């Protein structure tokens, strides 16, 4: 563990215990739950439900980044996300927003959001300026090969652990040069974002290599197609057990935060893991 605390806008998140980040997709087309929480009322109801189930953080997104997904216009994303964020920040937990658009980042931070979760690792437009200009917001930097439209059509070749670590180190250094402390940053190896099944599992097996970035690790395995590839479960919603197993393994390999759809199941599994660790 590189940092016992993740510094964010309103909260110093204690990373000595694994943190469960609940996925709240305010989208009609996300790969697993598209359309289920696509309006503000439904999204907020889902936020309240996952908090009852034990989630520690909320991650709100208004654009699907599944393989082949089309980009969403700025105004459409703002219309989906902002009303949810304005209410979610009243729920007493850290609120993350999954976006790569600097304009959305600025708007949600102005509305009180705590964390920017960016699949592009702040490589688009003036995203670095937005985060560096904020006194203490948290940020998650993810590795992605190519872009959502093409990443799985032409995934990475060869061993991926070293290139992923090198990329994330470079992005952390960009922020360090702008006086963004490492305690504000988590890094995400980007499972499923331009990698083969074997490469994704290699990243999990060698996840401890991400400690070289100096930042805490956030892992997002929930319902991913690689889990379907090894279990034979074609439908994302049928991958809950595999997702829980992957989350537990990610924590076992050093992840401080796991981003999940199946909150209650993941929280229960981590309680068992914690009981074993305490007994040892």
C-alpha atoms as a PDB file:
ATOM      1  CA  UNK A   1       0.000   0.000   0.000  1.00  0.00           C
ATOM      2  CA  UNK A   2       1.637   3.233  -1.123  1.00  0.00           C
ATOM      3  CA  UNK A   3      -0.812   5.600   0.577  1.00  0.00           C
ATOM      4  CA  UNK A   4      -3.133   4.757   3.494  1.00  0.00           C
ATOM      5  CA  UNK A   5      -5.444   7.596   2.428  1.00  0.00           C
ATOM      6  CA  UNK A   6      -6.907   8.688  -0.925  1.00  0.00           C
ATOM      7  CA  UNK A   7      -7.217  12.473  -0.760  1.00  0.00           C
ATOM      8  CA  UNK A   8     -10.386  13.712  -2.485  1.00  0.00           C
ATOM      9  CA  UNK A   9     -12.473  16.879  -2.542  1.00  0.00           C
ATOM     10  CA  UNK A  10     -14.423  16.279   0.678  1.00  0.00           C
ATOM     11  CA  UNK A  11     -13.071  13.007   2.053  1.00  0.00           C
ATOM     12  CA  UNK A  12      -9.778  11.434   3.056  1.00  0.00           C
ATOM     13  CA  UNK A  13     -10.679   7.865   2.120  1.00  0.00           C
ATOM     14  CA  UNK A  14      -9.131   5.236   4.404  1.00  0.00           C
ATOM     15  CA  UNK A  15      -7.426   2.693   2.142  1.00  0.00           C
ATOM     16  CA  UNK A  16      -6.262   0.440   4.949  1.00  0.00           C
ATOM     17  CA  UNK A  17      -9.503  -1.455   4.310  1.00  0.00           C
ATOM     18  CA  UNK A  18     -10.577  -2.366   0.756  1.00  0.00           C
ATOM     19  CA  UNK A  19     -13.032   0.159  -0.655  1.00  0.00           C
ATOM     20  CA  UNK A  20     -15.988  -0.870  -2.810  1.00  0.00           C
ATOM     21  CA  UNK A  21     -16.838   1.622  -5.558  1.00  0.00           C
ATOM     22  CA  UNK A  22     -20.361   1.085  -6.918  1.00  0.00           C
ATOM     23  CA  UNK A  23     -20.979   1.595 -10.635  1.00  0.00           C
ATOM     24  CA  UNK A  24     -23.897   3.909 -11.402  1.00  0.00           C
ATOM     25  CA  UNK A  25     -24.401   4.046 -15.163  1.00  0.00           C
ATOM     26  CA  UNK A  26     -26.711   6.868 -16.241  1.00  0.00           C
ATOM     27  CA  UNK A  27     -26.650   5.509 -19.774  1.00  0.00           C
ATOM     28  CA  UNK A  28     -28.966   3.706 -22.194  1.00  0.00           C
ATOM     29  CA  UNK A  29     -26.215   1.495 -23.634  1.00  0.00           C
ATOM     30  CA  UNK A  30     -23.668   0.317 -21.040  1.00  0.00           C
ATOM     31  CA  UNK A  31     -22.581  -3.269 -21.662  1.00  0.00           C
ATOM     32  CA  UNK A  32     -24.070  -4.749 -18.483  1.00  0.00           C
ATOM     33  CA  UNK A  33     -26.833  -2.536 -17.133  1.00  0.00           C
ATOM     34  CA  UNK A  34     -27.542  -0.021 -19.874  1.00  0.00           C
ATOM     35  CA  UNK A  35     -30.919   1.627 -19.463  1.00  0.00           C
ATOM     36  CA  UNK A  36     -31.572   0.347 -15.941  1.00  0.00           C
ATOM     37  CA  UNK A  37     -30.685   3.659 -14.284  1.00  0.00           C
ATOM     38  CA  UNK A  38     -30.897   5.977 -17.288  1.00  0.00           C
ATOM     39  CA  UNK A  39     -32.848   8.804 -15.673  1.00  0.00           C
ATOM     40  CA  UNK A  40     -32.053  10.868 -12.589  1.00  0.00           C
ATOM     41  CA  UNK A  41     -34.699   9.349 -10.330  1.00  0.00           C
ATOM     42  CA  UNK A  42     -33.714   5.763 -11.187  1.00  0.00           C
ATOM     43  CA  UNK A  43     -30.016   6.566 -10.854  1.00  0.00           C
ATOM     44  CA  UNK A  44     -30.463   8.101  -7.409  1.00  0.00           C
ATOM     45  CA  UNK A  45     -32.615   5.183  -6.302  1.00  0.00           C
ATOM     46  CA  UNK A  46     -29.760   2.906  -7.380  1.00  0.00           C
ATOM     47  CA  UNK A  47     -27.252   5.060  -5.453  1.00  0.00           C
ATOM     48  CA  UNK A  48     -29.305   4.658  -2.295  1.00  0.00           C
ATOM     49  CA  UNK A  49     -29.660   0.909  -2.877  1.00  0.00           C
ATOM     50  CA  UNK A  50     -25.921   0.252  -3.293  1.00  0.00           C
ATOM     51  CA  UNK A  51     -25.172   2.346  -0.204  1.00  0.00           C
ATOM     52  CA  UNK A  52     -27.555   0.149   1.779  1.00  0.00           C
ATOM     53  CA  UNK A  53     -25.639  -2.833   0.398  1.00  0.00           C
ATOM     54  CA  UNK A  54     -22.379  -1.470   1.781  1.00  0.00           C
ATOM     55  CA  UNK A  55     -20.753   0.545  -1.026  1.00  0.00           C
ATOM     56  CA  UNK A  56     -18.137   3.038   0.139  1.00  0.00           C
ATOM     57  CA  UNK A  57     -18.029   5.198  -3.001  1.00  0.00           C
ATOM     58  CA  UNK A  58     -20.298   5.968  -5.958  1.00  0.00           C
ATOM     59  CA  UNK A  59     -18.963   6.145  -9.539  1.00  0.00           C
ATOM     60  CA  UNK A  60     -21.408   7.932 -11.831  1.00  0.00           C
ATOM     61  CA  UNK A  61     -20.995   7.722 -15.592  1.00  0.00           C
ATOM     62  CA  UNK A  62     -22.927   9.192 -18.497  1.00  0.00           C
ATOM     63  CA  UNK A  63     -21.118   7.591 -21.440  1.00  0.00           C
ATOM     64  CA  UNK A  64     -20.609   3.906 -22.159  1.00  0.00           C
ATOM     65  CA  UNK A  65     -17.007   2.935 -22.895  1.00  0.00           C
ATOM     66  CA  UNK A  66     -17.694  -0.666 -23.842  1.00  0.00           C
ATOM     67  CA  UNK A  67     -15.767  -1.877 -26.933  1.00  0.00           C
ATOM     68  CA  UNK A  68     -17.143  -0.214 -30.054  1.00  0.00           C
ATOM     69  CA  UNK A  69     -19.281   2.281 -28.156  1.00  0.00           C
ATOM     70  CA  UNK A  70     -19.951   5.631 -29.864  1.00  0.00           C
ATOM     71  CA  UNK A  71     -18.920   8.891 -28.239  1.00  0.00           C
ATOM     72  CA  UNK A  72     -21.651  10.896 -26.493  1.00  0.00           C
ATOM     73  CA  UNK A  73     -21.962  14.644 -27.223  1.00  0.00           C
ATOM     74  CA  UNK A  74     -20.885  16.957 -24.404  1.00  0.00           C
ATOM     75  CA  UNK A  75     -24.313  18.435 -23.742  1.00  0.00           C
ATOM     76  CA  UNK A  76     -25.937  15.000 -23.609  1.00  0.00           C
ATOM     77  CA  UNK A  77     -23.397  13.737 -21.075  1.00  0.00           C
ATOM     78  CA  UNK A  78     -23.813  16.835 -18.906  1.00  0.00           C
ATOM     79  CA  UNK A  79     -27.610  16.463 -19.020  1.00  0.00           C
ATOM     80  CA  UNK A  80     -27.323  12.839 -17.835  1.00  0.00           C
ATOM     81  CA  UNK A  81     -24.696  13.286 -15.156  1.00  0.00           C
ATOM     82  CA  UNK A  82     -25.041  16.697 -13.524  1.00  0.00           C
ATOM     83  CA  UNK A  83     -28.527  16.263 -11.999  1.00  0.00           C
ATOM     84  CA  UNK A  84     -27.439  12.950 -10.459  1.00  0.00           C
ATOM     85  CA  UNK A  85     -24.183  14.373  -9.098  1.00  0.00           C
ATOM     86  CA  UNK A  86     -25.934  17.369  -7.528  1.00  0.00           C
ATOM     87  CA  UNK A  87     -28.124  15.002  -5.486  1.00  0.00           C
ATOM     88  CA  UNK A  88     -25.557  12.232  -4.916  1.00  0.00           C
ATOM     89  CA  UNK A  89     -23.159  14.606  -3.143  1.00  0.00           C
ATOM     90  CA  UNK A  90     -25.812  14.910  -0.414  1.00  0.00           C
ATOM     91  CA  UNK A  91     -25.618  11.177   0.409  1.00  0.00           C
ATOM     92  CA  UNK A  92     -22.573  11.406   2.678  1.00  0.00           C
ATOM     93  CA  UNK A  93     -20.095   9.334   0.654  1.00  0.00           C
ATOM     94  CA  UNK A  94     -17.394  10.172  -1.910  1.00  0.00           C
ATOM     95  CA  UNK A  95     -18.782  10.714  -5.415  1.00  0.00           C
ATOM     96  CA  UNK A  96     -16.665   9.860  -8.453  1.00  0.00           C
ATOM     97  CA  UNK A  97     -17.573  10.747 -12.026  1.00  0.00           C
ATOM     98  CA  UNK A  98     -16.444   8.528 -14.882  1.00  0.00           C
ATOM     99  CA  UNK A  99     -15.644  10.939 -17.728  1.00  0.00           C
ATOM    100  CA  UNK A 100     -12.826  11.960 -20.061  1.00  0.00           C
ATOM    101  CA  UNK A 101     -14.253  15.336 -21.099  1.00  0.00           C
ATOM    102  CA  UNK A 102     -12.590  18.300 -19.331  1.00  0.00           C
ATOM    103  CA  UNK A 103     -15.825  20.303 -19.488  1.00  0.00           C
ATOM    104  CA  UNK A 104     -17.704  17.545 -17.644  1.00  0.00           C
ATOM    105  CA  UNK A 105     -14.893  17.242 -15.094  1.00  0.00           C
ATOM    106  CA  UNK A 106     -15.075  20.962 -14.366  1.00  0.00           C
ATOM    107  CA  UNK A 107     -18.867  20.953 -14.112  1.00  0.00           C
ATOM    108  CA  UNK A 108     -19.058  17.996 -11.722  1.00  0.00           C
ATOM    109  CA  UNK A 109     -16.222  19.297  -9.546  1.00  0.00           C
ATOM    110  CA  UNK A 110     -18.021  22.635  -9.367  1.00  0.00           C
ATOM    111  CA  UNK A 111     -21.106  20.658  -8.256  1.00  0.00           C
ATOM    112  CA  UNK A 112     -19.128  19.079  -5.399  1.00  0.00           C
ATOM    113  CA  UNK A 113     -17.894  15.771  -6.853  1.00  0.00           C
ATOM    114  CA  UNK A 114     -14.885  14.247  -5.120  1.00  0.00           C
ATOM    115  CA  UNK A 115     -13.125  12.205  -7.815  1.00  0.00           C
ATOM    116  CA  UNK A 116     -12.550  12.258 -11.562  1.00  0.00           C
ATOM    117  CA  UNK A 117     -12.259   8.737 -13.012  1.00  0.00           C
ATOM    118  CA  UNK A 118     -10.770   8.994 -16.517  1.00  0.00           C
ATOM    119  CA  UNK A 119     -10.242   6.112 -18.943  1.00  0.00           C
ATOM    120  CA  UNK A 120      -7.958   8.423 -20.961  1.00  0.00           C
ATOM    121  CA  UNK A 121      -5.778   9.256 -17.928  1.00  0.00           C
ATOM    122  CA  UNK A 122      -6.243  13.008 -18.500  1.00  0.00           C
ATOM    123  CA  UNK A 123      -4.897  12.938 -22.067  1.00  0.00           C
ATOM    124  CA  UNK A 124      -7.835  14.746 -23.650  1.00  0.00           C
ATOM    125  CA  UNK A 125      -7.970  18.520 -24.043  1.00  0.00           C
ATOM    126  CA  UNK A 126      -7.249  20.498 -20.878  1.00  0.00           C
ATOM    127  CA  UNK A 127      -8.155  17.662 -18.474  1.00  0.00           C
ATOM    128  CA  UNK A 128      -4.824  17.946 -16.641  1.00  0.00           C
ATOM    129  CA  UNK A 129      -5.476  21.650 -16.121  1.00  0.00           C
ATOM    130  CA  UNK A 130      -8.884  20.925 -14.564  1.00  0.00           C
ATOM    131  CA  UNK A 131      -7.488  18.450 -12.035  1.00  0.00           C
ATOM    132  CA  UNK A 132      -4.326  20.439 -11.321  1.00  0.00           C
ATOM    133  CA  UNK A 133      -6.429  23.570 -10.866  1.00  0.00           C
ATOM    134  CA  UNK A 134      -8.514  21.954  -8.137  1.00  0.00           C
ATOM    135  CA  UNK A 135      -7.106  22.166  -4.602  1.00  0.00           C
ATOM    136  CA  UNK A 136      -7.601  18.489  -3.694  1.00  0.00           C
ATOM    137  CA  UNK A 137      -9.946  16.440  -5.913  1.00  0.00           C
ATOM    138  CA  UNK A 138      -9.086  12.780  -6.322  1.00  0.00           C
ATOM    139  CA  UNK A 139      -8.346  11.270  -9.716  1.00  0.00           C
ATOM    140  CA  UNK A 140      -8.137   7.767 -11.177  1.00  0.00           C
ATOM    141  CA  UNK A 141      -5.775   7.338 -14.129  1.00  0.00           C
ATOM    142  CA  UNK A 142      -6.537   4.308 -16.299  1.00  0.00           C
ATOM    143  CA  UNK A 143      -4.493   2.612 -19.002  1.00  0.00           C
ATOM    144  CA  UNK A 144      -6.272   2.190 -22.328  1.00  0.00           C
ATOM    145  CA  UNK A 145      -4.784   0.935 -25.591  1.00  0.00           C
ATOM    146  CA  UNK A 146      -6.105   2.896 -28.595  1.00  0.00           C
ATOM    147  CA  UNK A 147      -9.725   4.047 -28.010  1.00  0.00           C
ATOM    148  CA  UNK A 148     -13.106   2.455 -27.181  1.00  0.00           C
ATOM    149  CA  UNK A 149     -14.036   2.200 -30.855  1.00  0.00           C
ATOM    150  CA  UNK A 150     -10.915   0.232 -31.866  1.00  0.00           C
ATOM    151  CA  UNK A 151      -9.290  -1.131 -28.700  1.00  0.00           C
ATOM    152  CA  UNK A 152     -10.544  -4.696 -28.998  1.00  0.00           C
ATOM    153  CA  UNK A 153     -10.253  -4.806 -32.790  1.00  0.00           C
ATOM    154  CA  UNK A 154      -6.492  -4.447 -32.423  1.00  0.00           C
ATOM    155  CA  UNK A 155      -5.454  -5.195 -28.827  1.00  0.00           C
ATOM    156  CA  UNK A 156      -1.930  -4.924 -27.458  1.00  0.00           C
ATOM    157  CA  UNK A 157       0.727  -7.440 -28.453  1.00  0.00           C
ATOM    158  CA  UNK A 158       3.069  -9.371 -26.187  1.00  0.00           C
ATOM    159  CA  UNK A 159       3.660  -8.809 -22.495  1.00  0.00           C
ATOM    160  CA  UNK A 160       1.559  -5.919 -21.205  1.00  0.00           C
ATOM    161  CA  UNK A 161       2.621  -5.514 -17.571  1.00  0.00           C
ATOM    162  CA  UNK A 162       5.713  -3.378 -18.194  1.00  0.00           C
ATOM    163  CA  UNK A 163       4.087  -1.079 -20.804  1.00  0.00           C
ATOM    164  CA  UNK A 164       1.033  -0.530 -18.576  1.00  0.00           C
ATOM    165  CA  UNK A 165       3.190   0.308 -15.547  1.00  0.00           C
ATOM    166  CA  UNK A 166       5.392   2.608 -17.649  1.00  0.00           C
ATOM    167  CA  UNK A 167       2.376   4.448 -19.069  1.00  0.00           C
ATOM    168  CA  UNK A 168       0.807   4.970 -15.647  1.00  0.00           C
ATOM    169  CA  UNK A 169       4.120   6.121 -14.164  1.00  0.00           C
ATOM    170  CA  UNK A 170       4.394   8.713 -16.924  1.00  0.00           C
ATOM    171  CA  UNK A 171       0.869  10.004 -16.300  1.00  0.00           C
ATOM    172  CA  UNK A 172       1.524  10.233 -12.552  1.00  0.00           C
ATOM    173  CA  UNK A 173       4.693  12.216 -13.305  1.00  0.00           C
ATOM    174  CA  UNK A 174       2.713  14.635 -15.501  1.00  0.00           C
ATOM    175  CA  UNK A 175       0.477  15.379 -12.526  1.00  0.00           C
ATOM    176  CA  UNK A 176       3.394  15.526 -10.105  1.00  0.00           C
ATOM    177  CA  UNK A 177       4.892  18.264 -12.287  1.00  0.00           C
ATOM    178  CA  UNK A 178       1.655  20.198 -11.717  1.00  0.00           C
ATOM    179  CA  UNK A 179       1.851  19.734  -7.929  1.00  0.00           C
ATOM    180  CA  UNK A 180      -0.851  17.038  -7.759  1.00  0.00           C
ATOM    181  CA  UNK A 181       0.185  14.814  -4.851  1.00  0.00           C
ATOM    182  CA  UNK A 182       0.371  11.043  -5.304  1.00  0.00           C
ATOM    183  CA  UNK A 183      -2.102  10.702  -2.422  1.00  0.00           C
ATOM    184  CA  UNK A 184      -4.764  12.226  -4.722  1.00  0.00           C
ATOM    185  CA  UNK A 185      -4.163   9.600  -7.420  1.00  0.00           C
ATOM    186  CA  UNK A 186      -5.190   6.001  -7.966  1.00  0.00           C
ATOM    187  CA  UNK A 187      -4.100   3.971 -10.992  1.00  0.00           C
ATOM    188  CA  UNK A 188      -6.189   1.444 -12.917  1.00  0.00           C
ATOM    189  CA  UNK A 189      -4.570  -1.129 -15.261  1.00  0.00           C
ATOM    190  CA  UNK A 190      -7.604  -0.914 -17.571  1.00  0.00           C
ATOM    191  CA  UNK A 191      -8.860  -4.500 -17.681  1.00  0.00           C
ATOM    192  CA  UNK A 192     -10.530  -5.102 -21.045  1.00  0.00           C
ATOM    193  CA  UNK A 193      -9.363  -1.827 -22.582  1.00  0.00           C
ATOM    194  CA  UNK A 194      -7.313  -3.055 -25.515  1.00  0.00           C
ATOM    195  CA  UNK A 195      -6.009  -6.269 -23.972  1.00  0.00           C
ATOM    196  CA  UNK A 196      -6.557  -9.953 -24.698  1.00  0.00           C
ATOM    197  CA  UNK A 197      -8.032 -12.342 -22.141  1.00  0.00           C
ATOM    198  CA  UNK A 198      -4.570 -13.699 -21.326  1.00  0.00           C
ATOM    199  CA  UNK A 199      -3.171 -10.190 -20.967  1.00  0.00           C
ATOM    200  CA  UNK A 200      -5.946  -9.173 -18.572  1.00  0.00           C
ATOM    201  CA  UNK A 201      -5.224 -12.125 -16.309  1.00  0.00           C
ATOM    202  CA  UNK A 202      -1.500 -11.424 -16.539  1.00  0.00           C
ATOM    203  CA  UNK A 203      -2.189  -7.904 -15.270  1.00  0.00           C
ATOM    204  CA  UNK A 204      -4.060  -9.390 -12.313  1.00  0.00           C
ATOM    205  CA  UNK A 205      -1.350 -11.956 -11.573  1.00  0.00           C
ATOM    206  CA  UNK A 206       1.321  -9.223 -11.685  1.00  0.00           C
ATOM    207  CA  UNK A 207      -0.793  -6.383 -10.297  1.00  0.00           C
ATOM    208  CA  UNK A 208       1.746  -5.728  -7.544  1.00  0.00           C
ATOM    209  CA  UNK A 209       4.016  -4.236 -10.226  1.00  0.00           C
ATOM    210  CA  UNK A 210       1.736  -1.189 -10.206  1.00  0.00           C
ATOM    211  CA  UNK A 211       3.227  -0.267  -6.818  1.00  0.00           C
ATOM    212  CA  UNK A 212       6.062   1.272  -8.866  1.00  0.00           C
ATOM    213  CA  UNK A 213       3.729   4.166  -9.706  1.00  0.00           C
ATOM    214  CA  UNK A 214       3.707   5.224  -6.053  1.00  0.00           C
ATOM    215  CA  UNK A 215      -0.100   5.323  -6.071  1.00  0.00           C
ATOM    216  CA  UNK A 216      -2.921   3.141  -4.794  1.00  0.00           C
ATOM    217  CA  UNK A 217      -4.531   0.712  -7.261  1.00  0.00           C
ATOM    218  CA  UNK A 218      -8.156   0.713  -8.380  1.00  0.00           C
ATOM    219  CA  UNK A 219      -9.281  -2.488 -10.126  1.00  0.00           C
ATOM    220  CA  UNK A 220     -12.309  -2.817 -12.398  1.00  0.00           C
ATOM    221  CA  UNK A 221     -13.075  -6.432 -13.295  1.00  0.00           C
ATOM    222  CA  UNK A 222     -16.819  -6.392 -12.803  1.00  0.00           C
ATOM    223  CA  UNK A 223     -18.713  -8.496 -15.364  1.00  0.00           C
ATOM    224  CA  UNK A 224     -15.949  -8.062 -17.958  1.00  0.00           C
ATOM    225  CA  UNK A 225     -15.862 -10.289 -21.030  1.00  0.00           C
ATOM    226  CA  UNK A 226     -12.620 -11.942 -19.890  1.00  0.00           C
ATOM    227  CA  UNK A 227     -14.575 -13.441 -16.991  1.00  0.00           C
ATOM    228  CA  UNK A 228     -17.128 -14.723 -19.478  1.00  0.00           C
ATOM    229  CA  UNK A 229     -14.321 -16.227 -21.530  1.00  0.00           C
ATOM    230  CA  UNK A 230     -13.114 -18.412 -18.656  1.00  0.00           C
ATOM    231  CA  UNK A 231     -16.520 -19.258 -17.147  1.00  0.00           C
ATOM    232  CA  UNK A 232     -18.582 -19.639 -20.313  1.00  0.00           C
ATOM    233  CA  UNK A 233     -21.103 -17.078 -19.055  1.00  0.00           C
ATOM    234  CA  UNK A 234     -22.109 -15.147 -22.163  1.00  0.00           C
ATOM    235  CA  UNK A 235     -24.374 -12.631 -20.406  1.00  0.00           C
ATOM    236  CA  UNK A 236     -22.680  -9.967 -18.253  1.00  0.00           C
ATOM    237  CA  UNK A 237     -25.356 -10.250 -15.550  1.00  0.00           C
ATOM    238  CA  UNK A 238     -24.460 -13.949 -15.135  1.00  0.00           C
ATOM    239  CA  UNK A 239     -20.864 -13.123 -14.207  1.00  0.00           C
ATOM    240  CA  UNK A 240     -21.508 -11.981 -10.639  1.00  0.00           C
ATOM    241  CA  UNK A 241     -19.694 -14.902  -8.981  1.00  0.00           C
ATOM    242  CA  UNK A 242     -16.713 -14.519 -11.308  1.00  0.00           C
ATOM    243  CA  UNK A 243     -16.704 -10.771 -10.668  1.00  0.00           C
ATOM    244  CA  UNK A 244     -16.590 -11.296  -6.910  1.00  0.00           C
ATOM    245  CA  UNK A 245     -13.732 -13.763  -7.308  1.00  0.00           C
ATOM    246  CA  UNK A 246     -11.808 -11.288  -9.462  1.00  0.00           C
ATOM    247  CA  UNK A 247     -12.414  -8.461  -6.980  1.00  0.00           C
ATOM    248  CA  UNK A 248     -11.140 -10.612  -4.109  1.00  0.00           C
ATOM    249  CA  UNK A 249      -8.053 -11.609  -6.100  1.00  0.00           C
ATOM    250  CA  UNK A 250      -7.431  -7.976  -7.011  1.00  0.00           C
ATOM    251  CA  UNK A 251      -7.538  -7.027  -3.320  1.00  0.00           C
ATOM    252  CA  UNK A 252      -5.317  -9.998  -2.475  1.00  0.00           C
ATOM    253  CA  UNK A 253      -2.832  -8.652  -5.045  1.00  0.00           C
ATOM    254  CA  UNK A 254      -2.865  -5.180  -3.543  1.00  0.00           C
ATOM    255  CA  UNK A 255      -5.850  -3.268  -4.958  1.00  0.00           C
ATOM    256  CA  UNK A 256      -7.169  -0.646  -2.540  1.00  0.00           C
ATOM    257  CA  UNK A 257     -10.408   0.004  -4.437  1.00  0.00           C
ATOM    258  CA  UNK A 258     -12.600  -2.341  -6.494  1.00  0.00           C
ATOM    259  CA  UNK A 259     -15.167  -0.931  -8.918  1.00  0.00           C
ATOM    260  CA  UNK A 260     -18.184  -3.255  -9.089  1.00  0.00           C
ATOM    261  CA  UNK A 261     -21.787  -3.763 -10.165  1.00  0.00           C
ATOM    262  CA  UNK A 262     -22.548  -6.496  -7.598  1.00  0.00           C
ATOM    263  CA  UNK A 263     -22.052  -4.527  -4.405  1.00  0.00           C
ATOM    264  CA  UNK A 264     -23.697  -6.701  -1.756  1.00  0.00           C
ATOM    265  CA  UNK A 265     -21.944  -9.858  -2.936  1.00  0.00           C
ATOM    266  CA  UNK A 266     -18.559  -8.116  -3.102  1.00  0.00           C
ATOM    267  CA  UNK A 267     -18.966  -6.523   0.337  1.00  0.00           C
ATOM    268  CA  UNK A 268     -19.890  -9.903   1.855  1.00  0.00           C
ATOM    269  CA  UNK A 269     -16.904 -11.612   0.242  1.00  0.00           C
ATOM    270  CA  UNK A 270     -14.537  -8.925   1.473  1.00  0.00           C
ATOM    271  CA  UNK A 271     -15.925  -9.302   5.009  1.00  0.00           C
ATOM    272  CA  UNK A 272     -14.986 -12.982   4.908  1.00  0.00           C
ATOM    273  CA  UNK A 273     -11.546 -12.087   3.536  1.00  0.00           C
ATOM    274  CA  UNK A 274     -11.117  -9.520   6.310  1.00  0.00           C
ATOM    275  CA  UNK A 275     -12.146 -12.044   8.988  1.00  0.00           C
ATOM    276  CA  UNK A 276      -9.497 -14.477   7.749  1.00  0.00           C
ATOM    277  CA  UNK A 277      -6.868 -11.727   7.662  1.00  0.00           C
ATOM    278  CA  UNK A 278      -7.778 -10.629  11.195  1.00  0.00           C
ATOM    279  CA  UNK A 279      -7.556 -14.236  12.427  1.00  0.00           C
ATOM    280  CA  UNK A 280      -4.102 -14.597  10.941  1.00  0.00           C
END
